[in-house]
Amino acid sequence: MKKTDEPKHSVVVVPWLKRPMQRFVLKNWTAITIGSRIISWRALDTVELAHELAHVEQWKHYGLSFIARYFLESRRAATGGGDRYRDNKFEREAAEAGEKARKRESS
C-alpha cells in the first residue's frame, strides 16, 4: 500500500469508556481524538464524525504540540470568563465542521 493510500483516520468504539470519560473528562463526552485515531463509546453520526475529523486535522497541523495548545486555549477561554470547552478555539473550529456537515445532510 502506498503511503497516500493509507487511511487518514480510524474510529475505535469502546463502549465501556462512556461512564469513566463522562465522569472525569466531560459530562456529555462522545469521542476523543488522539492523532488520527478517534475513540468513542458508540458509533458516531455524520455531524459528530465531521467534528472529530476537524480534530484529526488539528493534530496533523500541530503534532504533539496540539496537546499543550489545546489546554492553553482552554485556560485562556476560562480566564476570559468563557467556557473551557465551548469557547476553546479548537472546539469552535470542530463545531463549525460539524455544522457544515449538518447543513450538507439537510440539503
PDB file of N, CA and C in Angstrom:
ATOM      1  N   MET A   1       0.847  -1.185   0.000  1.00  0.00           N
ATOM      2  CA  MET A   1       0.000   0.000   0.000  1.00  0.00           C
ATOM      3  C   MET A   1       0.887   1.241   0.000  1.00  0.00           C
ATOM      4  N   LYS A   2       0.616   2.130  -0.914  1.00  0.00           N
ATOM      5  CA  LYS A   2       1.352   3.384  -0.955  1.00  0.00           C
ATOM      6  C   LYS A   2       0.981   4.246   0.241  1.00  0.00           C
ATOM      7  N   LYS A   3       1.902   5.106   0.617  1.00  0.00           N
ATOM      8  CA  LYS A   3       1.640   5.988   1.753  1.00  0.00           C
ATOM      9  C   LYS A   3       0.381   6.819   1.528  1.00  0.00           C
ATOM     10  N   THR A   4       0.124   7.275   0.316  1.00  0.00           N
ATOM     11  CA  THR A   4      -1.060   8.097   0.039  1.00  0.00           C
ATOM     12  C   THR A   4      -2.349   7.297   0.134  1.00  0.00           C
ATOM     13  N   ASP A   5      -2.257   5.944   0.080  1.00  0.00           N
ATOM     14  CA  ASP A   5      -3.436   5.099   0.173  1.00  0.00           C
ATOM     15  C   ASP A   5      -3.812   4.768   1.614  1.00  0.00           C
ATOM     16  N   GLU A   6      -2.962   5.128   2.562  1.00  0.00           N
ATOM     17  CA  GLU A   6      -3.240   4.819   3.953  1.00  0.00           C
ATOM     18  C   GLU A   6      -4.430   5.634   4.439  1.00  0.00           C
ATOM     19  N   PRO A   7      -5.238   5.041   5.311  1.00  0.00           N
ATOM     20  CA  PRO A   7      -6.378   5.806   5.837  1.00  0.00           C
ATOM     21  C   PRO A   7      -5.894   7.023   6.616  1.00  0.00           C
ATOM     22  N   LYS A   8      -6.682   8.091   6.554  1.00  0.00           N
ATOM     23  CA  LYS A   8      -6.310   9.333   7.223  1.00  0.00           C
ATOM     24  C   LYS A   8      -6.754   9.349   8.674  1.00  0.00           C
ATOM     25  N   HIS A   9      -7.613   8.407   9.037  1.00  0.00           N
ATOM     26  CA  HIS A   9      -8.085   8.325  10.420  1.00  0.00           C
ATOM     27  C   HIS A   9      -8.644   6.929  10.665  1.00  0.00           C
ATOM     28  N   SER A  10      -8.842   6.622  11.929  1.00  0.00           N
ATOM     29  CA  SER A  10      -9.542   5.391  12.292  1.00  0.00           C
ATOM     30  C   SER A  10     -10.450   5.713  13.464  1.00  0.00           C
ATOM     31  N   VAL A  11     -11.562   4.990  13.520  1.00  0.00           N
ATOM     32  CA  VAL A  11     -12.513   5.169  14.609  1.00  0.00           C
ATOM     33  C   VAL A  11     -12.546   3.863  15.395  1.00  0.00           C
ATOM     34  N   VAL A  12     -12.326   3.976  16.696  1.00  0.00           N
ATOM     35  CA  VAL A  12     -12.359   2.816  17.575  1.00  0.00           C
ATOM     36  C   VAL A  12     -13.509   3.025  18.556  1.00  0.00           C
ATOM     37  N   VAL A  13     -14.417   2.068  18.616  1.00  0.00           N
ATOM     38  CA  VAL A  13     -15.562   2.163  19.526  1.00  0.00           C
ATOM     39  C   VAL A  13     -15.283   1.277  20.744  1.00  0.00           C
ATOM     40  N   VAL A  14     -15.301   1.922  21.918  1.00  0.00           N
ATOM     41  CA  VAL A  14     -15.040   1.228  23.182  1.00  0.00           C
ATOM     42  C   VAL A  14     -16.192   1.576  24.136  1.00  0.00           C
ATOM     43  N   PRO A  15     -17.263   0.773  24.120  1.00  0.00           N
ATOM     44  CA  PRO A  15     -18.471   1.113  24.886  1.00  0.00           C
ATOM     45  C   PRO A  15     -18.245   1.361  26.375  1.00  0.00           C
ATOM     46  N   TRP A  16     -17.364   0.625  27.021  1.00  0.00           N
ATOM     47  CA  TRP A  16     -17.190   0.780  28.464  1.00  0.00           C
ATOM     48  C   TRP A  16     -16.551   2.105  28.856  1.00  0.00           C
ATOM     49  N   LEU A  17     -16.029   2.862  27.906  1.00  0.00           N
ATOM     50  CA  LEU A  17     -15.424   4.169  28.216  1.00  0.00           C
ATOM     51  C   LEU A  17     -16.452   5.248  28.546  1.00  0.00           C
ATOM     52  N   LYS A  18     -17.705   5.022  28.195  1.00  0.00           N
ATOM     53  CA  LYS A  18     -18.723   6.057  28.382  1.00  0.00           C
ATOM     54  C   LYS A  18     -18.742   6.605  29.807  1.00  0.00           C
ATOM     55  N   ARG A  19     -18.949   5.743  30.772  1.00  0.00           N
ATOM     56  CA  ARG A  19     -19.110   6.201  32.152  1.00  0.00           C
ATOM     57  C   ARG A  19     -17.849   6.889  32.704  1.00  0.00           C
ATOM     58  N   PRO A  20     -16.659   6.278  32.630  1.00  0.00           N
ATOM     59  CA  PRO A  20     -15.495   6.981  33.213  1.00  0.00           C
ATOM     60  C   PRO A  20     -15.167   8.300  32.513  1.00  0.00           C
ATOM     61  N   MET A  21     -15.298   8.344  31.193  1.00  0.00           N
ATOM     62  CA  MET A  21     -14.977   9.583  30.482  1.00  0.00           C
ATOM     63  C   MET A  21     -16.003  10.671  30.796  1.00  0.00           C
ATOM     64  N   GLN A  22     -17.276  10.303  30.909  1.00  0.00           N
ATOM     65  CA  GLN A  22     -18.281  11.305  31.242  1.00  0.00           C
ATOM     66  C   GLN A  22     -18.134  11.769  32.683  1.00  0.00           C
ATOM     67  N   ARG A  23     -17.595  10.933  33.518  1.00  0.00           N
ATOM     68  CA  ARG A  23     -17.405  11.329  34.916  1.00  0.00           C
ATOM     69  C   ARG A  23     -16.167  12.201  35.103  1.00  0.00           C
ATOM     70  N   PHE A  24     -15.068  11.838  34.429  1.00  0.00           N
ATOM     71  CA  PHE A  24     -13.794  12.510  34.692  1.00  0.00           C
ATOM     72  C   PHE A  24     -13.361  13.513  33.630  1.00  0.00           C
ATOM     73  N   VAL A  25     -13.920  13.442  32.452  1.00  0.00           N
ATOM     74  CA  VAL A  25     -13.470  14.336  31.371  1.00  0.00           C
ATOM     75  C   VAL A  25     -14.529  15.378  31.038  1.00  0.00           C
ATOM     76  N   LEU A  26     -15.655  14.954  30.515  1.00  0.00           N
ATOM     77  CA  LEU A  26     -16.704  15.868  30.088  1.00  0.00           C
ATOM     78  C   LEU A  26     -18.033  15.143  30.185  1.00  0.00           C
ATOM     79  N   LYS A  27     -18.992  15.758  30.838  1.00  0.00           N
ATOM     80  CA  LYS A  27     -20.280  15.112  31.106  1.00  0.00           C
ATOM     81  C   LYS A  27     -20.939  14.550  29.843  1.00  0.00           C
ATOM     82  N   ASN A  28     -20.910  15.304  28.760  1.00  0.00           N
ATOM     83  CA  ASN A  28     -21.550  14.870  27.518  1.00  0.00           C
ATOM     84  C   ASN A  28     -20.567  14.266  26.524  1.00  0.00           C
ATOM     85  N   TRP A  29     -19.507  13.683  27.018  1.00  0.00           N
ATOM     86  CA  TRP A  29     -18.452  13.118  26.178  1.00  0.00           C
ATOM     87  C   TRP A  29     -18.993  12.071  25.219  1.00  0.00           C
ATOM     88  N   THR A  30     -18.578  12.179  23.980  1.00  0.00           N
ATOM     89  CA  THR A  30     -18.919  11.177  22.982  1.00  0.00           C
ATOM     90  C   THR A  30     -17.659  10.556  22.406  1.00  0.00           C
ATOM     91  N   ALA A  31     -16.645  11.394  22.121  1.00  0.00           N
ATOM     92  CA  ALA A  31     -15.423  10.881  21.491  1.00  0.00           C
ATOM     93  C   ALA A  31     -14.243  11.768  21.862  1.00  0.00           C
ATOM     94  N   ILE A  32     -13.060  11.198  21.682  1.00  0.00           N
ATOM     95  CA  ILE A  32     -11.822  11.955  21.849  1.00  0.00           C
ATOM     96  C   ILE A  32     -10.914  11.565  20.696  1.00  0.00           C
ATOM     97  N   THR A  33     -10.179  12.529  20.192  1.00  0.00           N
ATOM     98  CA  THR A  33      -9.281  12.286  19.078  1.00  0.00           C
ATOM     99  C   THR A  33      -7.851  12.427  19.560  1.00  0.00           C
ATOM    100  N   ILE A  34      -7.059  11.424  19.261  1.00  0.00           N
ATOM    101  CA  ILE A  34      -5.636  11.432  19.588  1.00  0.00           C
ATOM    102  C   ILE A  34      -4.906  11.089  18.303  1.00  0.00           C
ATOM    103  N   GLY A  35      -4.250  12.091  17.749  1.00  0.00           N
ATOM    104  CA  GLY A  35      -3.604  11.897  16.458  1.00  0.00           C
ATOM    105  C   GLY A  35      -4.663  11.651  15.402  1.00  0.00           C
ATOM    106  N   SER A  36      -4.523  10.546  14.683  1.00  0.00           N
ATOM    107  CA  SER A  36      -5.515  10.224  13.649  1.00  0.00           C
ATOM    108  C   SER A  36      -6.518   9.177  14.136  1.00  0.00           C
ATOM    109  N   ARG A  37      -6.471   8.855  15.417  1.00  0.00           N
ATOM    110  CA  ARG A  37      -7.393   7.870  15.981  1.00  0.00           C
ATOM    111  C   ARG A  37      -8.510   8.570  16.753  1.00  0.00           C
ATOM    112  N   ILE A  38      -9.733   8.223  16.413  1.00  0.00           N
ATOM    113  CA  ILE A  38     -10.918   8.746  17.085  1.00  0.00           C
ATOM    114  C   ILE A  38     -11.451   7.621  17.968  1.00  0.00           C
ATOM    115  N   ILE A  39     -11.551   7.892  19.256  1.00  0.00           N
ATOM    116  CA  ILE A  39     -12.019   6.884  20.200  1.00  0.00           C
ATOM    117  C   ILE A  39     -13.370   7.346  20.740  1.00  0.00           C
ATOM    118  N   SER A  40     -14.367   6.476  20.609  1.00  0.00           N
ATOM    119  CA  SER A  40     -15.729   6.809  21.015  1.00  0.00           C
ATOM    120  C   SER A  40     -16.338   5.645  21.772  1.00  0.00           C
ATOM    121  N   TRP A  41     -17.386   5.926  22.533  1.00  0.00           N
ATOM    122  CA  TRP A  41     -18.076   4.841  23.240  1.00  0.00           C
ATOM    123  C   TRP A  41     -19.217   4.277  22.404  1.00  0.00           C
ATOM    124  N   ARG A  42     -19.501   4.905  21.253  1.00  0.00           N
ATOM    125  CA  ARG A  42     -20.551   4.417  20.353  1.00  0.00           C
ATOM    126  C   ARG A  42     -20.228   4.906  18.939  1.00  0.00           C
ATOM    127  N   ALA A  43     -20.941   4.362  17.968  1.00  0.00           N
ATOM    128  CA  ALA A  43     -20.766   4.815  16.589  1.00  0.00           C
ATOM    129  C   ALA A  43     -21.140   6.295  16.502  1.00  0.00           C
ATOM    130  N   LEU A  44     -20.418   7.015  15.682  1.00  0.00           N
ATOM    131  CA  LEU A  44     -20.654   8.454  15.530  1.00  0.00           C
ATOM    132  C   LEU A  44     -21.550   8.718  14.332  1.00  0.00           C
ATOM    133  N   ASP A  45     -22.392   9.739  14.456  1.00  0.00           N
ATOM    134  CA  ASP A  45     -23.180  10.142  13.293  1.00  0.00           C
ATOM    135  C   ASP A  45     -22.305  11.044  12.410  1.00  0.00           C
ATOM    136  N   THR A  46     -22.836  11.456  11.296  1.00  0.00           N
ATOM    137  CA  THR A  46     -22.076  12.247  10.321  1.00  0.00           C
ATOM    138  C   THR A  46     -21.560  13.553  10.908  1.00  0.00           C
ATOM    139  N   VAL A  47     -22.381  14.220  11.691  1.00  0.00           N
ATOM    140  CA  VAL A  47     -22.002  15.508  12.290  1.00  0.00           C
ATOM    141  C   VAL A  47     -20.894  15.308  13.316  1.00  0.00           C
ATOM    142  N   GLU A  48     -21.045  14.310  14.166  1.00  0.00           N
ATOM    143  CA  GLU A  48     -20.028  14.027  15.177  1.00  0.00           C
ATOM    144  C   GLU A  48     -18.704  13.626  14.534  1.00  0.00           C
ATOM    145  N   LEU A  49     -18.784  12.825  13.478  1.00  0.00           N
ATOM    146  CA  LEU A  49     -17.562  12.415  12.782  1.00  0.00           C
ATOM    147  C   LEU A  49     -16.871  13.615  12.152  1.00  0.00           C
ATOM    148  N   ALA A  50     -17.626  14.522  11.561  1.00  0.00           N
ATOM    149  CA  ALA A  50     -17.032  15.735  10.978  1.00  0.00           C
ATOM    150  C   ALA A  50     -16.321  16.552  12.053  1.00  0.00           C
ATOM    151  N   HIS A  51     -16.926  16.645  13.233  1.00  0.00           N
ATOM    152  CA  HIS A  51     -16.322  17.362  14.363  1.00  0.00           C
ATOM    153  C   HIS A  51     -14.981  16.718  14.720  1.00  0.00           C
ATOM    154  N   GLU A  52     -14.983  15.400  14.862  1.00  0.00           N
ATOM    155  CA  GLU A  52     -13.749  14.707  15.242  1.00  0.00           C
ATOM    156  C   GLU A  52     -12.699  14.751  14.132  1.00  0.00           C
ATOM    157  N   LEU A  53     -13.131  14.724  12.889  1.00  0.00           N
ATOM    158  CA  LEU A  53     -12.172  14.825  11.778  1.00  0.00           C
ATOM    159  C   LEU A  53     -11.491  16.191  11.756  1.00  0.00           C
ATOM    160  N   ALA A  54     -12.174  17.220  12.228  1.00  0.00           N
ATOM    161  CA  ALA A  54     -11.524  18.531  12.354  1.00  0.00           C
ATOM    162  C   ALA A  54     -10.389  18.432  13.367  1.00  0.00           C
ATOM    163  N   HIS A  55     -10.605  17.675  14.446  1.00  0.00           N
ATOM    164  CA  HIS A  55      -9.530  17.478  15.422  1.00  0.00           C
ATOM    165  C   HIS A  55      -8.375  16.663  14.827  1.00  0.00           C
ATOM    166  N   VAL A  56      -8.685  15.698  13.962  1.00  0.00           N
ATOM    167  CA  VAL A  56      -7.621  14.941  13.272  1.00  0.00           C
ATOM    168  C   VAL A  56      -6.745  15.919  12.491  1.00  0.00           C
ATOM    169  N   GLU A  57      -7.382  16.849  11.797  1.00  0.00           N
ATOM    170  CA  GLU A  57      -6.624  17.851  11.023  1.00  0.00           C
ATOM    171  C   GLU A  57      -5.804  18.754  11.944  1.00  0.00           C
ATOM    172  N   GLN A  58      -6.351  19.120  13.090  1.00  0.00           N
ATOM    173  CA  GLN A  58      -5.605  19.945  14.044  1.00  0.00           C
ATOM    174  C   GLN A  58      -4.378  19.196  14.539  1.00  0.00           C
ATOM    175  N   TRP A  59      -4.548  17.920  14.847  1.00  0.00           N
ATOM    176  CA  TRP A  59      -3.409  17.103  15.266  1.00  0.00           C
ATOM    177  C   TRP A  59      -2.361  17.052  14.153  1.00  0.00           C
ATOM    178  N   LYS A  60      -2.818  16.885  12.919  1.00  0.00           N
ATOM    179  CA  LYS A  60      -1.893  16.816  11.785  1.00  0.00           C
ATOM    180  C   LYS A  60      -1.103  18.116  11.667  1.00  0.00           C
ATOM    181  N   HIS A  61      -1.783  19.220  11.850  1.00  0.00           N
ATOM    182  CA  HIS A  61      -1.156  20.534  11.710  1.00  0.00           C
ATOM    183  C   HIS A  61      -0.150  20.822  12.831  1.00  0.00           C
ATOM    184  N   TYR A  62      -0.519  20.519  14.076  1.00  0.00           N
ATOM    185  CA  TYR A  62       0.311  20.897  15.232  1.00  0.00           C
ATOM    186  C   TYR A  62       1.160  19.769  15.798  1.00  0.00           C
ATOM    187  N   GLY A  63       0.865  18.541  15.432  1.00  0.00           N
ATOM    188  CA  GLY A  63       1.607  17.419  16.004  1.00  0.00           C
ATOM    189  C   GLY A  63       1.367  17.332  17.508  1.00  0.00           C
ATOM    190  N   LEU A  64       2.356  16.840  18.228  1.00  0.00           N
ATOM    191  CA  LEU A  64       2.207  16.676  19.678  1.00  0.00           C
ATOM    192  C   LEU A  64       1.994  17.991  20.410  1.00  0.00           C
ATOM    193  N   SER A  65       2.433  19.095  19.811  1.00  0.00           N
ATOM    194  CA  SER A  65       2.220  20.385  20.483  1.00  0.00           C
ATOM    195  C   SER A  65       0.731  20.724  20.578  1.00  0.00           C
ATOM    196  N   PHE A  66      -0.108  19.985  19.840  1.00  0.00           N
ATOM    197  CA  PHE A  66      -1.547  20.223  19.915  1.00  0.00           C
ATOM    198  C   PHE A  66      -2.056  20.031  21.337  1.00  0.00           C
ATOM    199  N   ILE A  67      -1.489  19.072  22.066  1.00  0.00           N
ATOM    200  CA  ILE A  67      -1.932  18.813  23.441  1.00  0.00           C
ATOM    201  C   ILE A  67      -1.787  20.077  24.287  1.00  0.00           C
ATOM    202  N   ALA A  68      -0.593  20.650  24.286  1.00  0.00           N
ATOM    203  CA  ALA A  68      -0.344  21.862  25.078  1.00  0.00           C
ATOM    204  C   ALA A  68      -1.183  23.027  24.561  1.00  0.00           C
ATOM    205  N   ARG A  69      -1.259  23.173  23.260  1.00  0.00           N
ATOM    206  CA  ARG A  69      -2.032  24.265  22.674  1.00  0.00           C
ATOM    207  C   ARG A  69      -3.511  24.170  23.072  1.00  0.00           C
ATOM    208  N   TYR A  70      -4.036  22.950  23.055  1.00  0.00           N
ATOM    209  CA  TYR A  70      -5.438  22.740  23.406  1.00  0.00           C
ATOM    210  C   TYR A  70      -5.683  23.154  24.859  1.00  0.00           C
ATOM    211  N   PHE A  71      -4.846  22.681  25.774  1.00  0.00           N
ATOM    212  CA  PHE A  71      -5.043  23.004  27.185  1.00  0.00           C
ATOM    213  C   PHE A  71      -4.800  24.482  27.479  1.00  0.00           C
ATOM    214  N   LEU A  72      -3.838  25.075  26.804  1.00  0.00           N
ATOM    215  CA  LEU A  72      -3.621  26.518  26.980  1.00  0.00           C
ATOM    216  C   LEU A  72      -4.815  27.313  26.475  1.00  0.00           C
ATOM    217  N   GLU A  73      -5.385  26.865  25.382  1.00  0.00           N
ATOM    218  CA  GLU A  73      -6.567  27.534  24.826  1.00  0.00           C
ATOM    219  C   GLU A  73      -7.760  27.385  25.768  1.00  0.00           C
ATOM    220  N   SER A  74      -7.897  26.226  26.401  1.00  0.00           N
ATOM    221  CA  SER A  74      -8.970  26.037  27.389  1.00  0.00           C
ATOM    222  C   SER A  74      -8.772  26.981  28.567  1.00  0.00           C
ATOM    223  N   ARG A  75      -7.536  27.121  29.009  1.00  0.00           N
ATOM    224  CA  ARG A  75      -7.253  28.025  30.132  1.00  0.00           C
ATOM    225  C   ARG A  75      -7.526  29.470  29.734  1.00  0.00           C
ATOM    226  N   ARG A  76      -7.138  29.833  28.513  1.00  0.00           N
ATOM    227  CA  ARG A  76      -7.386  31.193  28.030  1.00  0.00           C
ATOM    228  C   ARG A  76      -8.884  31.476  28.008  1.00  0.00           C
ATOM    229  N   ALA A  77      -9.647  30.522  27.524  1.00  0.00           N
ATOM    230  CA  ALA A  77     -11.105  30.696  27.453  1.00  0.00           C
ATOM    231  C   ALA A  77     -11.684  30.894  28.855  1.00  0.00           C
ATOM    232  N   ALA A  78     -11.277  30.057  29.790  1.00  0.00           N
ATOM    233  CA  ALA A  78     -11.806  30.144  31.155  1.00  0.00           C
ATOM    234  C   ALA A  78     -11.367  31.433  31.838  1.00  0.00           C
ATOM    235  N   THR A  79     -10.112  31.821  31.643  1.00  0.00           N
ATOM    236  CA  THR A  79      -9.598  33.048  32.249  1.00  0.00           C
ATOM    237  C   THR A  79     -10.346  34.272  31.722  1.00  0.00           C
ATOM    238  N   GLY A  80     -10.774  34.190  30.477  1.00  0.00           N
ATOM    239  CA  GLY A  80     -11.519  35.289  29.871  1.00  0.00           C
ATOM    240  C   GLY A  80     -13.000  35.265  30.220  1.00  0.00           C
ATOM    241  N   GLY A  81     -13.392  34.373  31.109  1.00  0.00           N
ATOM    242  CA  GLY A  81     -14.784  34.308  31.526  1.00  0.00           C
ATOM    243  C   GLY A  81     -15.635  33.368  30.700  1.00  0.00           C
ATOM    244  N   GLY A  82     -15.007  32.654  29.785  1.00  0.00           N
ATOM    245  CA  GLY A  82     -15.766  31.742  28.937  1.00  0.00           C
ATOM    246  C   GLY A  82     -15.744  30.319  29.453  1.00  0.00           C
ATOM    247  N   ASP A  83     -16.268  29.438  28.650  1.00  0.00           N
ATOM    248  CA  ASP A  83     -16.309  28.018  28.965  1.00  0.00           C
ATOM    249  C   ASP A  83     -15.053  27.346  28.413  1.00  0.00           C
ATOM    250  N   ARG A  84     -14.409  26.512  29.229  1.00  0.00           N
ATOM    251  CA  ARG A  84     -13.168  25.842  28.830  1.00  0.00           C
ATOM    252  C   ARG A  84     -13.336  25.024  27.556  1.00  0.00           C
ATOM    253  N   TYR A  85     -14.502  24.459  27.358  1.00  0.00           N
ATOM    254  CA  TYR A  85     -14.741  23.599  26.200  1.00  0.00           C
ATOM    255  C   TYR A  85     -15.356  24.384  25.042  1.00  0.00           C
ATOM    256  N   ARG A  86     -16.535  24.945  25.262  1.00  0.00           N
ATOM    257  CA  ARG A  86     -17.251  25.612  24.163  1.00  0.00           C
ATOM    258  C   ARG A  86     -16.521  26.823  23.606  1.00  0.00           C
ATOM    259  N   ASP A  87     -15.743  27.522  24.438  1.00  0.00           N
ATOM    260  CA  ASP A  87     -15.043  28.715  23.975  1.00  0.00           C
ATOM    261  C   ASP A  87     -13.594  28.454  23.591  1.00  0.00           C
ATOM    262  N   ASN A  88     -13.198  27.203  23.592  1.00  0.00           N
ATOM    263  CA  ASN A  88     -11.871  26.811  23.122  1.00  0.00           C
ATOM    264  C   ASN A  88     -11.882  26.927  21.597  1.00  0.00           C
ATOM    265  N   LYS A  89     -10.916  27.653  21.034  1.00  0.00           N
ATOM    266  CA  LYS A  89     -10.941  27.884  19.576  1.00  0.00           C
ATOM    267  C   LYS A  89     -10.867  26.588  18.775  1.00  0.00           C
ATOM    268  N   PHE A  90     -10.208  25.567  19.306  1.00  0.00           N
ATOM    269  CA  PHE A  90     -10.134  24.293  18.596  1.00  0.00           C
ATOM    270  C   PHE A  90     -11.499  23.597  18.582  1.00  0.00           C
ATOM    271  N   GLU A  91     -12.235  23.731  19.661  1.00  0.00           N
ATOM    272  CA  GLU A  91     -13.579  23.159  19.714  1.00  0.00           C
ATOM    273  C   GLU A  91     -14.550  23.953  18.841  1.00  0.00           C
ATOM    274  N   ARG A  92     -14.395  25.252  18.804  1.00  0.00           N
ATOM    275  CA  ARG A  92     -15.261  26.067  17.931  1.00  0.00           C
ATOM    276  C   ARG A  92     -15.023  25.691  16.470  1.00  0.00           C
ATOM    277  N   GLU A  93     -13.766  25.501  16.104  1.00  0.00           N
ATOM    278  CA  GLU A  93     -13.434  25.105  14.731  1.00  0.00           C
ATOM    279  C   GLU A  93     -14.066  23.739  14.407  1.00  0.00           C
ATOM    280  N   ALA A  94     -13.977  22.811  15.348  1.00  0.00           N
ATOM    281  CA  ALA A  94     -14.564  21.483  15.139  1.00  0.00           C
ATOM    282  C   ALA A  94     -16.095  21.571  15.083  1.00  0.00           C
ATOM    283  N   ALA A  95     -16.676  22.423  15.913  1.00  0.00           N
ATOM    284  CA  ALA A  95     -18.132  22.605  15.903  1.00  0.00           C
ATOM    285  C   ALA A  95     -18.586  23.170  14.553  1.00  0.00           C
ATOM    286  N   GLU A  96     -17.810  24.072  13.987  1.00  0.00           N
ATOM    287  CA  GLU A  96     -18.137  24.617  12.659  1.00  0.00           C
ATOM    288  C   GLU A  96     -18.122  23.517  11.607  1.00  0.00           C
ATOM    289  N   ALA A  97     -17.149  22.623  11.696  1.00  0.00           N
ATOM    290  CA  ALA A  97     -17.091  21.498  10.749  1.00  0.00           C
ATOM    291  C   ALA A  97     -18.323  20.617  10.902  1.00  0.00           C
ATOM    292  N   GLY A  98     -18.749  20.403  12.133  1.00  0.00           N
ATOM    293  CA  GLY A  98     -19.958  19.622  12.381  1.00  0.00           C
ATOM    294  C   GLY A  98     -21.192  20.294  11.810  1.00  0.00           C
ATOM    295  N   GLU A  99     -21.271  21.612  11.978  1.00  0.00           N
ATOM    296  CA  GLU A  99     -22.424  22.357  11.445  1.00  0.00           C
ATOM    297  C   GLU A  99     -22.462  22.308   9.915  1.00  0.00           C
ATOM    298  N   LYS A 100     -21.302  22.398   9.291  1.00  0.00           N
ATOM    299  CA  LYS A 100     -21.258  22.292   7.819  1.00  0.00           C
ATOM    300  C   LYS A 100     -21.776  20.922   7.385  1.00  0.00           C
ATOM    301  N   ALA A 101     -21.378  19.879   8.113  1.00  0.00           N
ATOM    302  CA  ALA A 101     -21.851  18.525   7.783  1.00  0.00           C
ATOM    303  C   ALA A 101     -23.363  18.430   7.976  1.00  0.00           C
ATOM    304  N   ARG A 102     -23.875  19.053   9.039  1.00  0.00           N
ATOM    305  CA  ARG A 102     -25.323  19.044   9.298  1.00  0.00           C
ATOM    306  C   ARG A 102     -26.069  19.723   8.141  1.00  0.00           C
ATOM    307  N   LYS A 103     -25.546  20.840   7.668  1.00  0.00           N
ATOM    308  CA  LYS A 103     -26.204  21.558   6.564  1.00  0.00           C
ATOM    309  C   LYS A 103     -26.164  20.740   5.277  1.00  0.00           C
ATOM    310  N   ARG A 104     -25.031  20.058   5.029  1.00  0.00           N
ATOM    311  CA  ARG A 104     -24.951  19.209   3.829  1.00  0.00           C
ATOM    312  C   ARG A 104     -25.966  18.071   3.920  1.00  0.00           C
ATOM    313  N   GLU A 105     -26.110  17.503   5.119  1.00  0.00           N
ATOM    314  CA  GLU A 105     -27.056  16.415   5.317  1.00  0.00           C
ATOM    315  C   GLU A 105     -28.503  16.844   5.086  1.00  0.00           C
ATOM    316  N   SER A 106     -28.820  18.054   5.511  1.00  0.00           N
ATOM    317  CA  SER A 106     -30.216  18.509   5.422  1.00  0.00           C
ATOM    318  C   SER A 106     -30.565  19.106   4.064  1.00  0.00           C
ATOM    319  N   SER A 107     -29.571  19.285   3.187  1.00  0.00           N
ATOM    320  CA  SER A 107     -29.909  19.836   1.861  1.00  0.00           C
ATOM    321  C   SER A 107     -30.247  18.771   0.875  1.00  0.00           C
TER     322      SER A 107
END
